[in-house]
C-alpha atoms as a PDB file:
ATOM      1  CA  MET A   1     -28.391 -90.895  -8.647  1.00  0.00           C
ATOM      2  CA  PHE A   2     -27.932 -87.764 -10.552  1.00  0.00           C
ATOM      3  CA  THR A   3     -25.679 -86.470 -12.960  1.00  0.00           C
ATOM      4  CA  LEU A   4     -24.032 -83.679 -14.426  1.00  0.00           C
ATOM      5  CA  ALA A   5     -21.231 -83.944 -17.161  1.00  0.00           C
ATOM      6  CA  LEU A   6     -19.676 -81.115 -18.853  1.00  0.00           C
ATOM      7  CA  GLN A   7     -17.079 -81.247 -21.432  1.00  0.00           C
ATOM      8  CA  ARG A   8     -14.522 -78.816 -22.899  1.00  0.00           C
ATOM      9  CA  ARG A   9     -12.223 -79.004 -25.457  1.00  0.00           C
ATOM     10  CA  PHE A  10      -8.737 -77.025 -25.442  1.00  0.00           C
ATOM     11  CA  GLU A  11      -5.469 -77.048 -27.236  1.00  0.00           C
ATOM     12  CA  ALA A  12      -2.170 -76.521 -25.599  1.00  0.00           C
ATOM     13  CA  ARG A  13       1.327 -76.922 -26.802  1.00  0.00           C
ATOM     14  CA  HIS A  14       4.599 -79.117 -25.790  1.00  0.00           C
ATOM     15  CA  HIS A  15       7.756 -80.600 -26.943  1.00  0.00           C
ATOM     16  CA  LEU A  16       9.262 -83.754 -25.883  1.00  0.00           C
ATOM     17  CA  ILE A  17      12.414 -83.878 -24.332  1.00  0.00           C
ATOM     18  CA  GLY A  18      15.180 -86.159 -23.111  1.00  0.00           C
ATOM     19  CA  GLY A  19      15.628 -87.967 -26.173  1.00  0.00           C
ATOM     20  CA  ASP A  20      15.913 -88.280 -30.166  1.00  0.00           C
ATOM     21  CA  TRP A  21      11.532 -88.186 -30.597  1.00  0.00           C
ATOM     22  CA  GLY A  22      12.288 -86.815 -34.406  1.00  0.00           C
ATOM     23  CA  ALA A  23       9.293 -84.211 -35.175  1.00  0.00           C
ATOM     24  CA  GLU A  24       8.266 -84.499 -31.386  1.00  0.00           C
ATOM     25  CA  ASN A  25      11.240 -82.650 -30.403  1.00  0.00           C
ATOM     26  CA  ASP A  26       9.732 -79.614 -32.023  1.00  0.00           C
ATOM     27  CA  PRO A  27       6.640 -77.239 -30.705  1.00  0.00           C
ATOM     28  CA  HIS A  28       3.936 -78.596 -31.519  1.00  0.00           C
ATOM     29  CA  ALA A  29       0.278 -78.612 -30.860  1.00  0.00           C
ATOM     30  CA  HIS A  30      -2.410 -81.310 -28.882  1.00  0.00           C
ATOM     31  CA  SER A  31      -6.262 -81.212 -28.613  1.00  0.00           C
ATOM     32  CA  TYR A  32      -7.394 -82.249 -25.283  1.00  0.00           C
ATOM     33  CA  LEU A  33     -10.956 -83.167 -23.807  1.00  0.00           C
ATOM     34  CA  LEU A  34     -11.616 -82.246 -20.047  1.00  0.00           C
ATOM     35  CA  GLU A  35     -14.751 -84.042 -19.230  1.00  0.00           C
ATOM     36  CA  LEU A  36     -16.021 -83.683 -15.837  1.00  0.00           C
ATOM     37  CA  ARG A  37     -18.557 -85.135 -14.110  1.00  0.00           C
ATOM     38  CA  LEU A  38     -20.463 -85.139 -10.732  1.00  0.00           C
ATOM     39  CA  GLU A  39     -22.783 -87.600  -9.349  1.00  0.00           C
ATOM     40  CA  GLY A  40     -24.971 -87.408  -6.289  1.00  0.00           C
ATOM     41  CA  GLU A  41     -27.749 -88.848  -4.606  1.00  0.00           C
ATOM     42  CA  GLY A  42     -29.965 -85.781  -3.972  1.00  0.00           C
ATOM     43  CA  LEU A  43     -30.710 -82.143  -5.083  1.00  0.00           C
ATOM     44  CA  ASN A  44     -30.261 -79.317  -3.610  1.00  0.00           C
ATOM     45  CA  LYS A  45     -33.591 -76.969  -2.320  1.00  0.00           C
ATOM     46  CA  HIS A  46     -33.373 -75.059  -6.084  1.00  0.00           C
ATOM     47  CA  GLY A  47     -33.386 -78.768  -7.859  1.00  0.00           C
ATOM     48  CA  TYR A  48     -29.862 -78.544  -8.912  1.00  0.00           C
ATOM     49  CA  LEU A  49     -27.294 -81.118  -7.973  1.00  0.00           C
ATOM     50  CA  VAL A  50     -24.546 -78.214  -8.390  1.00  0.00           C
ATOM     51  CA  ASP A  51     -24.744 -74.823  -9.640  1.00  0.00           C
ATOM     52  CA  LEU A  52     -23.262 -75.319 -13.215  1.00  0.00           C
ATOM     53  CA  VAL A  53     -22.784 -72.171 -14.199  1.00  0.00           C
ATOM     54  CA  ASP A  54     -20.433 -71.995 -11.208  1.00  0.00           C
ATOM     55  CA  VAL A  55     -18.759 -75.136 -12.206  1.00  0.00           C
ATOM     56  CA  GLU A  56     -18.471 -74.088 -16.156  1.00  0.00           C
ATOM     57  CA  SER A  57     -16.856 -70.481 -14.713  1.00  0.00           C
ATOM     58  CA  ARG A  58     -13.908 -72.801 -12.831  1.00  0.00           C
ATOM     59  CA  VAL A  59     -13.428 -74.975 -15.599  1.00  0.00           C
ATOM     60  CA  GLU A  60     -13.196 -72.044 -18.153  1.00  0.00           C
ATOM     61  CA  GLN A  61     -10.228 -70.658 -15.280  1.00  0.00           C
ATOM     62  CA  LEU A  62      -8.588 -73.594 -15.568  1.00  0.00           C
ATOM     63  CA  LEU A  63      -8.599 -73.951 -19.202  1.00  0.00           C
ATOM     64  CA  ALA A  64      -7.217 -70.127 -19.505  1.00  0.00           C
ATOM     65  CA  ARG A  65      -4.277 -71.320 -17.660  1.00  0.00           C
ATOM     66  CA  PHE A  66      -3.760 -74.883 -19.441  1.00  0.00           C
ATOM     67  CA  GLY A  67      -5.519 -73.726 -22.884  1.00  0.00           C
ATOM     68  CA  GLY A  68      -3.104 -72.263 -25.432  1.00  0.00           C
ATOM     69  CA  ALA A  69      -0.347 -72.664 -23.043  1.00  0.00           C
ATOM     70  CA  ASP A  70       3.497 -74.196 -24.164  1.00  0.00           C
ATOM     71  CA  LEU A  71       3.161 -76.573 -20.870  1.00  0.00           C
ATOM     72  CA  ASN A  72       6.856 -76.967 -21.095  1.00  0.00           C
ATOM     73  CA  SER A  73       7.054 -73.082 -19.760  1.00  0.00           C
ATOM     74  CA  LEU A  74       4.608 -74.434 -16.750  1.00  0.00           C
ATOM     75  CA  SER A  75       6.771 -75.177 -13.244  1.00  0.00           C
ATOM     76  CA  GLU A  76       4.349 -77.880 -13.008  1.00  0.00           C
ATOM     77  CA  PHE A  77       5.868 -79.612 -15.972  1.00  0.00           C
ATOM     78  CA  ALA A  78       9.388 -78.766 -14.996  1.00  0.00           C
ATOM     79  CA  GLY A  79      12.162 -81.390 -16.428  1.00  0.00           C
ATOM     80  CA  LEU A  80       9.573 -83.231 -17.556  1.00  0.00           C
ATOM     81  CA  ASN A  81       7.919 -84.563 -20.925  1.00  0.00           C
ATOM     82  CA  PRO A  82       4.550 -83.407 -20.956  1.00  0.00           C
ATOM     83  CA  SER A  83       2.701 -86.415 -21.532  1.00  0.00           C
ATOM     84  CA  ILE A  84      -0.905 -86.794 -21.078  1.00  0.00           C
ATOM     85  CA  GLU A  85       0.064 -89.045 -18.210  1.00  0.00           C
ATOM     86  CA  HIS A  86       1.816 -86.563 -16.179  1.00  0.00           C
ATOM     87  CA  PHE A  87      -0.808 -84.139 -17.003  1.00  0.00           C
ATOM     88  CA  SER A  88      -3.441 -85.822 -15.677  1.00  0.00           C
ATOM     89  CA  ARG A  89      -1.202 -86.580 -12.713  1.00  0.00           C
ATOM     90  CA  ILE A  90      -0.004 -83.134 -12.234  1.00  0.00           C
ATOM     91  CA  LEU A  91      -3.961 -82.036 -11.910  1.00  0.00           C
ATOM     92  CA  CYS A  92      -4.938 -85.424  -9.961  1.00  0.00           C
ATOM     93  CA  GLN A  93      -2.111 -84.421  -7.377  1.00  0.00           C
ATOM     94  CA  ALA A  94      -2.774 -80.607  -7.181  1.00  0.00           C
ATOM     95  CA  LEU A  95      -6.808 -81.408  -6.522  1.00  0.00           C
ATOM     96  CA  ALA A  96      -5.620 -84.427  -3.570  1.00  0.00           C
ATOM     97  CA  GLU A  97      -2.692 -82.136  -1.808  1.00  0.00           C
ATOM     98  CA  GLN A  98      -4.365 -78.749  -1.856  1.00  0.00           C
ATOM     99  CA  HIS A  99      -8.008 -79.703  -2.066  1.00  0.00           C
ATOM    100  CA  GLY A 100      -8.848 -82.933  -0.424  1.00  0.00           C
ATOM    101  CA  VAL A 101     -10.343 -84.245  -3.525  1.00  0.00           C
ATOM    102  CA  ALA A 102      -9.252 -87.587  -4.148  1.00  0.00           C
ATOM    103  CA  VAL A 103      -9.021 -88.316  -8.242  1.00  0.00           C
ATOM    104  CA  VAL A 104      -6.992 -91.354 -10.336  1.00  0.00           C
ATOM    105  CA  PRO A 105      -5.616 -90.659 -13.619  1.00  0.00           C
ATOM    106  CA  GLY A 106      -7.611 -92.833 -15.881  1.00  0.00           C
ATOM    107  CA  ALA A 107      -4.430 -94.813 -17.203  1.00  0.00           C
ATOM    108  CA  PHE A 108      -4.697 -97.279 -13.908  1.00  0.00           C
ATOM    109  CA  PHE A 109      -7.873 -98.181 -15.112  1.00  0.00           C
ATOM    110  CA  SER A 110      -6.825 -99.457 -18.627  1.00  0.00           C
ATOM    111  CA  PRO A 111      -3.916 -98.697 -21.301  1.00  0.00           C
ATOM    112  CA  PHE A 112      -6.720 -96.401 -22.979  1.00  0.00           C
ATOM    113  CA  GLY A 113      -7.140 -94.318 -20.318  1.00  0.00           C
ATOM    114  CA  GLY A 114      -4.723 -92.113 -20.457  1.00  0.00           C
ATOM    115  CA  PRO A 115      -6.578 -88.718 -21.500  1.00  0.00           C
ATOM    116  CA  TRP A 116      -9.137 -89.196 -18.553  1.00  0.00           C
ATOM    117  CA  ILE A 117      -8.863 -88.288 -14.736  1.00  0.00           C
ATOM    118  CA  ARG A 118     -11.376 -90.367 -12.449  1.00  0.00           C
ATOM    119  CA  PHE A 119     -13.206 -89.673  -9.664  1.00  0.00           C
ATOM    120  CA  SER A 120     -15.042 -91.906  -7.759  1.00  0.00           C
ATOM    121  CA  TYR A 121     -17.546 -90.915  -4.988  1.00  0.00           C
ATOM    122  CA  ALA A 122     -19.183 -93.710  -2.576  1.00  0.00           C
ATOM    123  CA  THR A 123     -20.348 -91.266  -0.092  1.00  0.00           C
ATOM    124  CA  PRO A 124     -23.113 -90.035   1.586  1.00  0.00           C
ATOM    125  CA  PRO A 125     -24.475 -86.672   0.073  1.00  0.00           C
ATOM    126  CA  GLU A 126     -23.068 -83.887   2.220  1.00  0.00           C
ATOM    127  CA  ARG A 127     -19.726 -85.553   2.389  1.00  0.00           C
ATOM    128  CA  THR A 128     -19.966 -85.252  -1.428  1.00  0.00           C
ATOM    129  CA  ILE A 129     -21.390 -82.105  -1.699  1.00  0.00           C
ATOM    130  CA  GLY A 130     -18.346 -81.015   0.542  1.00  0.00           C
ATOM    131  CA  ALA A 131     -15.945 -83.366  -2.058  1.00  0.00           C
ATOM    132  CA  ALA A 132     -17.513 -81.317  -5.290  1.00  0.00           C
ATOM    133  CA  ARG A 133     -16.963 -77.846  -3.353  1.00  0.00           C
ATOM    134  CA  ARG A 134     -13.473 -78.496  -2.730  1.00  0.00           C
ATOM    135  CA  LEU A 135     -13.114 -79.830  -6.058  1.00  0.00           C
ATOM    136  CA  LEU A 136     -14.540 -76.486  -7.759  1.00  0.00           C
ATOM    137  CA  GLU A 137     -11.778 -74.887  -4.854  1.00  0.00           C
ATOM    138  CA  GLY A 138      -9.111 -77.067  -6.954  1.00  0.00           C
ATOM    139  CA  LEU A 139      -9.882 -76.291 -10.209  1.00  0.00           C
ATOM    140  CA  ASP A 140      -9.939 -72.378  -9.559  1.00  0.00           C
ATOM    141  CA  ALA A 141      -6.701 -72.678  -7.699  1.00  0.00           C
ATOM    142  CA  LEU A 142      -5.061 -74.824 -10.796  1.00  0.00           C
ATOM    143  CA  ALA A 143      -6.519 -72.013 -13.177  1.00  0.00           C
ATOM    144  CA  GLY A 144      -4.749 -69.396 -10.994  1.00  0.00           C
ATOM    145  CA  GLY A 145      -7.722 -67.826  -9.355  1.00  0.00           C
END
């Protein structure tokens, strides 16, 4: 089994709506950690699991959309408190519906999993490669590319 992991930190702004949340009703920023982990049984003819430069480029495009943004102003968050749970669900839903990649918000795994998205692939390498390709397409689309 081969694993490739990539982490990127970014900040985004938001404010809570629908109640008296004190200072949380005012715009403020949070730091986020995006961790993408890809696993597969085999390597391609060049000795790579996936093209890391391509993955990094697509993640950077995604972060260009959400990083530094006011989440409340994005259409995906219309009428929602932009919590990490909603953020995770929005990313997961878009990848699943638009790109056929199944992901699960980390909150389903433990109370501490809110900041995470979980991917699980237990299929032959050729299907995993297809899923990784669709994941990259989904990241592109979410980034507006």
